[in-house]
Amino acid sequence: MTDSLISLRGVTKRYGSGASELLALKGIDLDIGAGEFVAIMGPSGSGKSTAMNILGCLDTPSAGQYLFKGAHVESLSRDQRARLRRRFLGFVFQGFNLLARTSAQENVELPLLYRGDSAGARREAAARALQSVGLGGWEQHTPAELSGGQQQRVAIARAIVTEPAVVLADEPTGNLDTLRSHEIMGLLMALNRDHGITVLMVTHEPDMAAYARRMVHFIDGRLDSDVVNPHPATGAPADLGVAETT
């Protein structure tokens, strides 16, 4: 696919050598177009997390090619990969990864601080991002003053504050109850649908994967299946106007 945002070609990942060698990925071919919402699934040890780390430029393949917007990521230096991450990628983690004694506003500003944006630009962009996830008015609250669902909204705001092309979400609902999980999935769907952000989500939960428009399944380091979901779930509304109380 010449119009793919992301292309993996024959991607292999080895850890260790000799008798202790582990082949985590075994020649993966995968194309992801701009604006897709893809769920990446598989049992423990299937290679899905390794693939996600490579897609997020947190690791490099042992062999094969990774093209992002036509650029060969596997050939980039560590600093070049870091610049690619800062410019094009946003990350959401299962554990939220928020600074505990820092306000929601300041947590969301962090990627812009690393990028070197001015204080005024950081403040304005963080306020917009928090508003977009339904947390307008909660800017000065610390994580301890927020529910789990609200903390994940802050984490999503931090991921999108740089206006990335891709959000990589690693088990984004793993620490949430059922209702909040569906709300977060509704929010990710809205960001994908309304802002054209490509969403790549690792999950082991079929009911969360059902929100994606495409499901990729790994087994034993290989791509086992890649299917289109013709009827993505809608579930609970994202409720972007009113955030839940703690």
C-alpha atoms as a PDB file:
ATOM      1  CA  MET A   1       0.000   0.000   0.000  1.00  0.00           C
ATOM      2  CA  THR A   2       1.786   3.121  -1.195  1.00  0.00           C
ATOM      3  CA  ASP A   3      -0.622   5.395   0.717  1.00  0.00           C
ATOM      4  CA  SER A   4      -0.050   3.733   4.115  1.00  0.00           C
ATOM      5  CA  LEU A   5       0.870   5.919   7.053  1.00  0.00           C
ATOM      6  CA  ILE A   6       2.685   2.951   8.610  1.00  0.00           C
ATOM      7  CA  SER A   7       4.194  -0.089   6.910  1.00  0.00           C
ATOM      8  CA  LEU A   8       6.020  -3.025   8.453  1.00  0.00           C
ATOM      9  CA  ARG A   9       7.856  -5.317   6.063  1.00  0.00           C
ATOM     10  CA  GLY A  10       9.369  -8.569   7.288  1.00  0.00           C
ATOM     11  CA  VAL A  11       9.851  -7.159  10.797  1.00  0.00           C
ATOM     12  CA  THR A  12      11.662  -9.532  13.129  1.00  0.00           C
ATOM     13  CA  LYS A  13      12.699  -8.938  16.725  1.00  0.00           C
ATOM     14  CA  ARG A  14      15.245 -11.082  18.576  1.00  0.00           C
ATOM     15  CA  TYR A  15      16.198 -10.907  22.234  1.00  0.00           C
ATOM     16  CA  GLY A  16      19.313 -12.663  23.483  1.00  0.00           C
ATOM     17  CA  SER A  17      21.443 -15.071  21.463  1.00  0.00           C
ATOM     18  CA  GLY A  18      22.380 -18.715  21.232  1.00  0.00           C
ATOM     19  CA  ALA A  19      20.445 -21.066  23.490  1.00  0.00           C
ATOM     20  CA  SER A  20      18.753 -18.130  25.233  1.00  0.00           C
ATOM     21  CA  GLU A  21      17.561 -16.450  22.024  1.00  0.00           C
ATOM     22  CA  LEU A  22      13.898 -15.405  21.966  1.00  0.00           C
ATOM     23  CA  LEU A  23      12.283 -14.587  18.645  1.00  0.00           C
ATOM     24  CA  ALA A  24       9.483 -12.214  19.669  1.00  0.00           C
ATOM     25  CA  LEU A  25       8.430 -11.244  16.126  1.00  0.00           C
ATOM     26  CA  LYS A  26       8.808 -13.505  13.101  1.00  0.00           C
ATOM     27  CA  GLY A  27       8.577 -11.543   9.867  1.00  0.00           C
ATOM     28  CA  ILE A  28       5.587  -9.226  10.364  1.00  0.00           C
ATOM     29  CA  ASP A  29       3.996  -7.489   7.361  1.00  0.00           C
ATOM     30  CA  LEU A  30       1.434  -4.831   8.304  1.00  0.00           C
ATOM     31  CA  ASP A  31      -0.005  -1.690   6.709  1.00  0.00           C
ATOM     32  CA  ILE A  32      -1.956   0.963   8.609  1.00  0.00           C
ATOM     33  CA  GLY A  33      -3.604   3.858   6.830  1.00  0.00           C
ATOM     34  CA  ALA A  34      -4.088   7.368   8.179  1.00  0.00           C
ATOM     35  CA  GLY A  35      -7.280   7.682  10.210  1.00  0.00           C
ATOM     36  CA  GLU A  36      -7.657   4.002  11.054  1.00  0.00           C
ATOM     37  CA  PHE A  37      -8.652   2.647  14.478  1.00  0.00           C
ATOM     38  CA  VAL A  38      -6.846  -0.671  14.939  1.00  0.00           C
ATOM     39  CA  ALA A  39      -7.046  -3.051  17.905  1.00  0.00           C
ATOM     40  CA  ILE A  40      -3.922  -5.176  18.387  1.00  0.00           C
ATOM     41  CA  MET A  41      -4.700  -8.396  20.244  1.00  0.00           C
ATOM     42  CA  GLY A  42      -3.110 -11.671  21.263  1.00  0.00           C
ATOM     43  CA  PRO A  43      -2.261 -13.776  24.309  1.00  0.00           C
ATOM     44  CA  SER A  44       0.670 -13.057  26.594  1.00  0.00           C
ATOM     45  CA  GLY A  45       3.919 -13.633  24.703  1.00  0.00           C
ATOM     46  CA  SER A  46       2.282 -13.312  21.295  1.00  0.00           C
ATOM     47  CA  GLY A  47       4.425 -10.339  20.232  1.00  0.00           C
ATOM     48  CA  LYS A  48       1.737  -7.658  20.360  1.00  0.00           C
ATOM     49  CA  SER A  49       3.562  -5.506  22.933  1.00  0.00           C
ATOM     50  CA  THR A  50       6.849  -5.890  21.064  1.00  0.00           C
ATOM     51  CA  ALA A  51       5.117  -4.768  17.872  1.00  0.00           C
ATOM     52  CA  MET A  52       3.604  -1.798  19.718  1.00  0.00           C
ATOM     53  CA  ASN A  53       7.020  -0.757  21.051  1.00  0.00           C
ATOM     54  CA  ILE A  54       8.436  -0.829  17.534  1.00  0.00           C
ATOM     55  CA  LEU A  55       5.458   1.098  16.135  1.00  0.00           C
ATOM     56  CA  GLY A  56       5.942   3.682  18.895  1.00  0.00           C
ATOM     57  CA  CYS A  57       9.655   4.071  18.096  1.00  0.00           C
ATOM     58  CA  LEU A  58      10.512   2.826  21.593  1.00  0.00           C
ATOM     59  CA  ASP A  59      12.391  -0.150  20.133  1.00  0.00           C
ATOM     60  CA  THR A  60      13.854  -1.114  16.763  1.00  0.00           C
ATOM     61  CA  PRO A  61      13.467  -4.302  14.704  1.00  0.00           C
ATOM     62  CA  SER A  62      16.315  -6.791  14.475  1.00  0.00           C
ATOM     63  CA  ALA A  63      15.508  -7.192  10.786  1.00  0.00           C
ATOM     64  CA  GLY A  64      12.975  -5.854   8.318  1.00  0.00           C
ATOM     65  CA  GLN A  65      11.676  -2.391   7.543  1.00  0.00           C
ATOM     66  CA  TYR A  66       9.453   0.074   9.407  1.00  0.00           C
ATOM     67  CA  LEU A  67       8.225   2.949   7.248  1.00  0.00           C
ATOM     68  CA  PHE A  68       6.418   5.932   8.792  1.00  0.00           C
ATOM     69  CA  LYS A  69       5.171   8.440   6.226  1.00  0.00           C
ATOM     70  CA  GLY A  70       7.648   6.801   3.860  1.00  0.00           C
ATOM     71  CA  ALA A  71      10.667   7.310   6.147  1.00  0.00           C
ATOM     72  CA  HIS A  72      12.694   4.241   7.149  1.00  0.00           C
ATOM     73  CA  VAL A  73      12.425   4.343  10.929  1.00  0.00           C
ATOM     74  CA  GLU A  74      14.731   1.351  11.388  1.00  0.00           C
ATOM     75  CA  SER A  75      17.553   3.460   9.930  1.00  0.00           C
ATOM     76  CA  LEU A  76      17.040   6.477  12.212  1.00  0.00           C
ATOM     77  CA  SER A  77      19.308   7.326  15.114  1.00  0.00           C
ATOM     78  CA  ARG A  78      17.969   7.354  18.670  1.00  0.00           C
ATOM     79  CA  ASP A  79      17.683  11.158  18.600  1.00  0.00           C
ATOM     80  CA  GLN A  80      15.864  11.073  15.265  1.00  0.00           C
ATOM     81  CA  ARG A  81      13.384   8.514  16.607  1.00  0.00           C
ATOM     82  CA  ALA A  82      12.835  10.727  19.650  1.00  0.00           C
ATOM     83  CA  ARG A  83      12.044  13.680  17.394  1.00  0.00           C
ATOM     84  CA  LEU A  84       9.624  11.524  15.410  1.00  0.00           C
ATOM     85  CA  ARG A  85       7.867  10.514  18.648  1.00  0.00           C
ATOM     86  CA  ARG A  86       7.584  14.122  19.828  1.00  0.00           C
ATOM     87  CA  ARG A  87       6.175  15.334  16.528  1.00  0.00           C
ATOM     88  CA  PHE A  88       3.875  12.540  15.386  1.00  0.00           C
ATOM     89  CA  LEU A  89       3.046  10.157  18.256  1.00  0.00           C
ATOM     90  CA  GLY A  90       1.041  10.300  21.472  1.00  0.00           C
ATOM     91  CA  PHE A  91       0.961   7.590  24.139  1.00  0.00           C
ATOM     92  CA  VAL A  92      -1.712   6.385  26.567  1.00  0.00           C
ATOM     93  CA  PHE A  93      -0.836   3.755  29.179  1.00  0.00           C
ATOM     94  CA  GLN A  94      -2.826   1.421  31.396  1.00  0.00           C
ATOM     95  CA  GLY A  95      -1.361   2.971  34.554  1.00  0.00           C
ATOM     96  CA  PHE A  96      -2.024   6.605  33.454  1.00  0.00           C
ATOM     97  CA  ASN A  97       1.649   7.568  34.214  1.00  0.00           C
ATOM     98  CA  LEU A  98       0.726  10.969  35.651  1.00  0.00           C
ATOM     99  CA  LEU A  99       3.002  12.937  37.976  1.00  0.00           C
ATOM    100  CA  ALA A 100       1.296  12.579  41.349  1.00  0.00           C
ATOM    101  CA  ARG A 101       1.942  16.038  42.815  1.00  0.00           C
ATOM    102  CA  THR A 102       1.427  17.905  39.576  1.00  0.00           C
ATOM    103  CA  SER A 103      -1.829  19.431  38.357  1.00  0.00           C
ATOM    104  CA  ALA A 104      -3.746  18.104  35.373  1.00  0.00           C
ATOM    105  CA  GLN A 105      -2.711  21.233  33.477  1.00  0.00           C
ATOM    106  CA  GLU A 106       0.979  20.687  34.175  1.00  0.00           C
ATOM    107  CA  ASN A 107       0.781  16.966  33.364  1.00  0.00           C
ATOM    108  CA  VAL A 108      -0.716  17.754  29.973  1.00  0.00           C
ATOM    109  CA  GLU A 109       1.893  20.444  29.305  1.00  0.00           C
ATOM    110  CA  LEU A 110       4.828  18.022  29.730  1.00  0.00           C
ATOM    111  CA  PRO A 111       5.215  16.948  26.056  1.00  0.00           C
ATOM    112  CA  LEU A 112       5.208  20.617  25.040  1.00  0.00           C
ATOM    113  CA  LEU A 113       7.811  21.424  27.686  1.00  0.00           C
ATOM    114  CA  TYR A 114      10.086  18.716  26.260  1.00  0.00           C
ATOM    115  CA  ARG A 115       9.464  20.157  22.803  1.00  0.00           C
ATOM    116  CA  GLY A 116      10.556  23.609  23.949  1.00  0.00           C
ATOM    117  CA  ASP A 117       7.250  25.484  23.538  1.00  0.00           C
ATOM    118  CA  SER A 118       6.772  28.748  25.429  1.00  0.00           C
ATOM    119  CA  ALA A 119       4.903  28.822  28.734  1.00  0.00           C
ATOM    120  CA  GLY A 120       1.972  30.682  27.192  1.00  0.00           C
ATOM    121  CA  ALA A 121       1.681  28.291  24.257  1.00  0.00           C
ATOM    122  CA  ARG A 122       1.862  25.301  26.621  1.00  0.00           C
ATOM    123  CA  ARG A 123      -0.855  26.687  28.865  1.00  0.00           C
ATOM    124  CA  GLU A 124      -3.241  27.425  26.005  1.00  0.00           C
ATOM    125  CA  ALA A 125      -2.701  24.078  24.270  1.00  0.00           C
ATOM    126  CA  ALA A 126      -3.137  22.115  27.519  1.00  0.00           C
ATOM    127  CA  ALA A 127      -6.370  23.963  28.311  1.00  0.00           C
ATOM    128  CA  ARG A 128      -7.723  23.104  24.848  1.00  0.00           C
ATOM    129  CA  ALA A 129      -6.734  19.450  25.197  1.00  0.00           C
ATOM    130  CA  LEU A 130      -8.363  19.134  28.626  1.00  0.00           C
ATOM    131  CA  GLN A 131     -11.509  20.792  27.300  1.00  0.00           C
ATOM    132  CA  SER A 132     -11.600  18.323  24.411  1.00  0.00           C
ATOM    133  CA  VAL A 133     -11.671  15.355  26.819  1.00  0.00           C
ATOM    134  CA  GLY A 134     -14.367  16.839  29.046  1.00  0.00           C
ATOM    135  CA  LEU A 135     -12.118  18.200  31.801  1.00  0.00           C
ATOM    136  CA  GLY A 136     -12.530  21.934  31.334  1.00  0.00           C
ATOM    137  CA  GLY A 137     -12.481  23.436  34.824  1.00  0.00           C
ATOM    138  CA  TRP A 138     -10.391  20.600  36.284  1.00  0.00           C
ATOM    139  CA  GLU A 139      -7.019  22.017  35.248  1.00  0.00           C
ATOM    140  CA  GLN A 140      -5.653  22.580  38.768  1.00  0.00           C
ATOM    141  CA  HIS A 141      -6.680  19.228  40.247  1.00  0.00           C
ATOM    142  CA  THR A 142      -3.939  16.713  41.040  1.00  0.00           C
ATOM    143  CA  PRO A 143      -4.311  13.002  40.165  1.00  0.00           C
ATOM    144  CA  ALA A 144      -5.237  12.226  43.805  1.00  0.00           C
ATOM    145  CA  GLU A 145      -8.257  14.506  43.395  1.00  0.00           C
ATOM    146  CA  LEU A 146      -9.451  12.731  40.242  1.00  0.00           C
ATOM    147  CA  SER A 147     -11.200   9.428  39.638  1.00  0.00           C
ATOM    148  CA  GLY A 148      -9.554   6.720  37.543  1.00  0.00           C
ATOM    149  CA  GLY A 149     -11.621   7.676  34.518  1.00  0.00           C
ATOM    150  CA  GLN A 150     -10.663  11.332  34.916  1.00  0.00           C
ATOM    151  CA  GLN A 151      -6.995  10.434  35.271  1.00  0.00           C
ATOM    152  CA  GLN A 152      -7.148   8.497  32.016  1.00  0.00           C
ATOM    153  CA  ARG A 153      -8.793  11.515  30.358  1.00  0.00           C
ATOM    154  CA  VAL A 154      -5.850  13.622  31.543  1.00  0.00           C
ATOM    155  CA  ALA A 155      -3.508  11.010  30.069  1.00  0.00           C
ATOM    156  CA  ILE A 156      -5.379  11.162  26.756  1.00  0.00           C
ATOM    157  CA  ALA A 157      -5.242  14.969  26.798  1.00  0.00           C
ATOM    158  CA  ARG A 158      -1.474  14.704  27.313  1.00  0.00           C
ATOM    159  CA  ALA A 159      -1.270  12.310  24.355  1.00  0.00           C
ATOM    160  CA  ILE A 160      -3.146  14.633  21.985  1.00  0.00           C
ATOM    161  CA  VAL A 161      -1.804  18.010  23.137  1.00  0.00           C
ATOM    162  CA  THR A 162       0.925  17.900  20.476  1.00  0.00           C
ATOM    163  CA  GLU A 163      -1.706  17.184  17.779  1.00  0.00           C
ATOM    164  CA  PRO A 164      -0.117  13.838  16.849  1.00  0.00           C
ATOM    165  CA  ALA A 165      -0.886  11.811  13.761  1.00  0.00           C
ATOM    166  CA  VAL A 166      -1.073   8.612  15.830  1.00  0.00           C
ATOM    167  CA  VAL A 167      -2.154   7.749  19.373  1.00  0.00           C
ATOM    168  CA  LEU A 168      -0.791   4.459  20.706  1.00  0.00           C
ATOM    169  CA  ALA A 169      -2.902   3.182  23.596  1.00  0.00           C
ATOM    170  CA  ASP A 170      -1.564   0.261  25.649  1.00  0.00           C
ATOM    171  CA  GLU A 171      -4.443  -1.402  27.566  1.00  0.00           C
ATOM    172  CA  PRO A 172      -6.057   2.037  28.132  1.00  0.00           C
ATOM    173  CA  THR A 173      -9.017   0.585  30.059  1.00  0.00           C
ATOM    174  CA  GLY A 174      -7.107  -2.028  32.057  1.00  0.00           C
ATOM    175  CA  ASN A 175      -7.401  -0.114  35.364  1.00  0.00           C
ATOM    176  CA  LEU A 176     -10.998   1.064  34.931  1.00  0.00           C
ATOM    177  CA  ASP A 177     -14.415  -0.305  35.783  1.00  0.00           C
ATOM    178  CA  THR A 178     -16.831  -1.285  33.021  1.00  0.00           C
ATOM    179  CA  LEU A 179     -18.653   2.036  32.737  1.00  0.00           C
ATOM    180  CA  ARG A 180     -15.494   4.141  32.702  1.00  0.00           C
ATOM    181  CA  SER A 181     -13.908   1.725  30.234  1.00  0.00           C
ATOM    182  CA  HIS A 182     -16.726   2.267  27.770  1.00  0.00           C
ATOM    183  CA  GLU A 183     -16.558   6.036  28.291  1.00  0.00           C
ATOM    184  CA  ILE A 184     -12.833   6.051  27.516  1.00  0.00           C
ATOM    185  CA  MET A 185     -13.447   3.946  24.411  1.00  0.00           C
ATOM    186  CA  GLY A 186     -16.136   6.398  23.333  1.00  0.00           C
ATOM    187  CA  LEU A 187     -13.627   9.200  23.758  1.00  0.00           C
ATOM    188  CA  LEU A 188     -10.981   7.417  21.671  1.00  0.00           C
ATOM    189  CA  MET A 189     -13.598   6.769  19.002  1.00  0.00           C
ATOM    190  CA  ALA A 190     -14.542  10.457  18.964  1.00  0.00           C
ATOM    191  CA  LEU A 191     -10.913  11.549  18.612  1.00  0.00           C
ATOM    192  CA  ASN A 192     -10.495   9.096  15.749  1.00  0.00           C
ATOM    193  CA  ARG A 193     -13.739  10.042  14.033  1.00  0.00           C
ATOM    194  CA  ASP A 194     -13.808  13.797  14.568  1.00  0.00           C
ATOM    195  CA  HIS A 195     -10.092  14.652  14.472  1.00  0.00           C
ATOM    196  CA  GLY A 196      -8.775  11.972  12.122  1.00  0.00           C
ATOM    197  CA  ILE A 197      -6.237  10.714  14.671  1.00  0.00           C
ATOM    198  CA  THR A 198      -5.012   7.212  13.891  1.00  0.00           C
ATOM    199  CA  VAL A 199      -5.520   5.037  16.977  1.00  0.00           C
ATOM    200  CA  LEU A 200      -3.499   1.863  17.610  1.00  0.00           C
ATOM    201  CA  MET A 201      -4.686   0.084  20.738  1.00  0.00           C
ATOM    202  CA  VAL A 202      -3.302  -3.005  22.447  1.00  0.00           C
ATOM    203  CA  THR A 203      -6.006  -4.807  24.411  1.00  0.00           C
ATOM    204  CA  HIS A 204      -6.828  -8.298  25.625  1.00  0.00           C
ATOM    205  CA  GLU A 205     -10.508  -7.416  26.102  1.00  0.00           C
ATOM    206  CA  PRO A 206     -12.762  -8.372  23.154  1.00  0.00           C
ATOM    207  CA  ASP A 207     -15.475  -5.911  24.215  1.00  0.00           C
ATOM    208  CA  MET A 208     -12.949  -3.054  24.053  1.00  0.00           C
ATOM    209  CA  ALA A 209     -11.479  -4.271  20.748  1.00  0.00           C
ATOM    210  CA  ALA A 210     -15.018  -4.201  19.361  1.00  0.00           C
ATOM    211  CA  TYR A 211     -14.795  -0.388  19.202  1.00  0.00           C
ATOM    212  CA  ALA A 212     -12.029  -0.597  16.604  1.00  0.00           C
ATOM    213  CA  ARG A 213     -12.741  -0.706  12.902  1.00  0.00           C
ATOM    214  CA  ARG A 214     -10.002  -3.263  12.396  1.00  0.00           C
ATOM    215  CA  MET A 215      -8.649  -6.088  14.556  1.00  0.00           C
ATOM    216  CA  VAL A 216      -5.125  -7.476  14.214  1.00  0.00           C
ATOM    217  CA  HIS A 217      -4.355 -10.666  16.136  1.00  0.00           C
ATOM    218  CA  PHE A 218      -0.865 -11.929  17.019  1.00  0.00           C
ATOM    219  CA  ILE A 219       0.042 -15.492  17.982  1.00  0.00           C
ATOM    220  CA  ASP A 220       3.590 -16.764  18.640  1.00  0.00           C
ATOM    221  CA  GLY A 221       5.245 -13.736  17.075  1.00  0.00           C
ATOM    222  CA  ARG A 222       3.258 -13.956  13.856  1.00  0.00           C
ATOM    223  CA  LEU A 223       0.312 -12.059  12.436  1.00  0.00           C
ATOM    224  CA  ASP A 224      -2.482 -14.617  12.774  1.00  0.00           C
ATOM    225  CA  SER A 225      -5.423 -12.578  11.463  1.00  0.00           C
ATOM    226  CA  ASP A 226      -6.270  -9.089  10.239  1.00  0.00           C
ATOM    227  CA  VAL A 227      -9.985  -8.415   9.877  1.00  0.00           C
ATOM    228  CA  VAL A 228     -12.255  -5.435   9.335  1.00  0.00           C
ATOM    229  CA  ASN A 229     -14.950  -4.832  11.946  1.00  0.00           C
ATOM    230  CA  PRO A 230     -17.969  -3.690   9.897  1.00  0.00           C
ATOM    231  CA  HIS A 231     -20.009  -2.673  12.947  1.00  0.00           C
ATOM    232  CA  PRO A 232     -17.840  -1.049  15.646  1.00  0.00           C
ATOM    233  CA  ALA A 233     -19.365  -0.833  19.109  1.00  0.00           C
ATOM    234  CA  THR A 234     -20.722   2.466  20.308  1.00  0.00           C
ATOM    235  CA  GLY A 235     -21.268   1.691  24.010  1.00  0.00           C
ATOM    236  CA  ALA A 236     -21.600   4.438  26.610  1.00  0.00           C
ATOM    237  CA  PRO A 237     -21.228   8.014  25.334  1.00  0.00           C
ATOM    238  CA  ALA A 238     -17.918   9.738  25.922  1.00  0.00           C
ATOM    239  CA  ASP A 239     -19.857  12.473  27.796  1.00  0.00           C
ATOM    240  CA  LEU A 240     -17.407  15.193  26.882  1.00  0.00           C
ATOM    241  CA  GLY A 241     -19.509  17.950  28.363  1.00  0.00           C
ATOM    242  CA  VAL A 242     -19.573  16.801  31.985  1.00  0.00           C
ATOM    243  CA  ALA A 243     -16.797  14.826  33.663  1.00  0.00           C
ATOM    244  CA  GLU A 244     -17.731  12.307  36.331  1.00  0.00           C
ATOM    245  CA  THR A 245     -17.214  13.186  39.957  1.00  0.00           C
ATOM    246  CA  THR A 246     -14.731  11.444  42.201  1.00  0.00           C
END
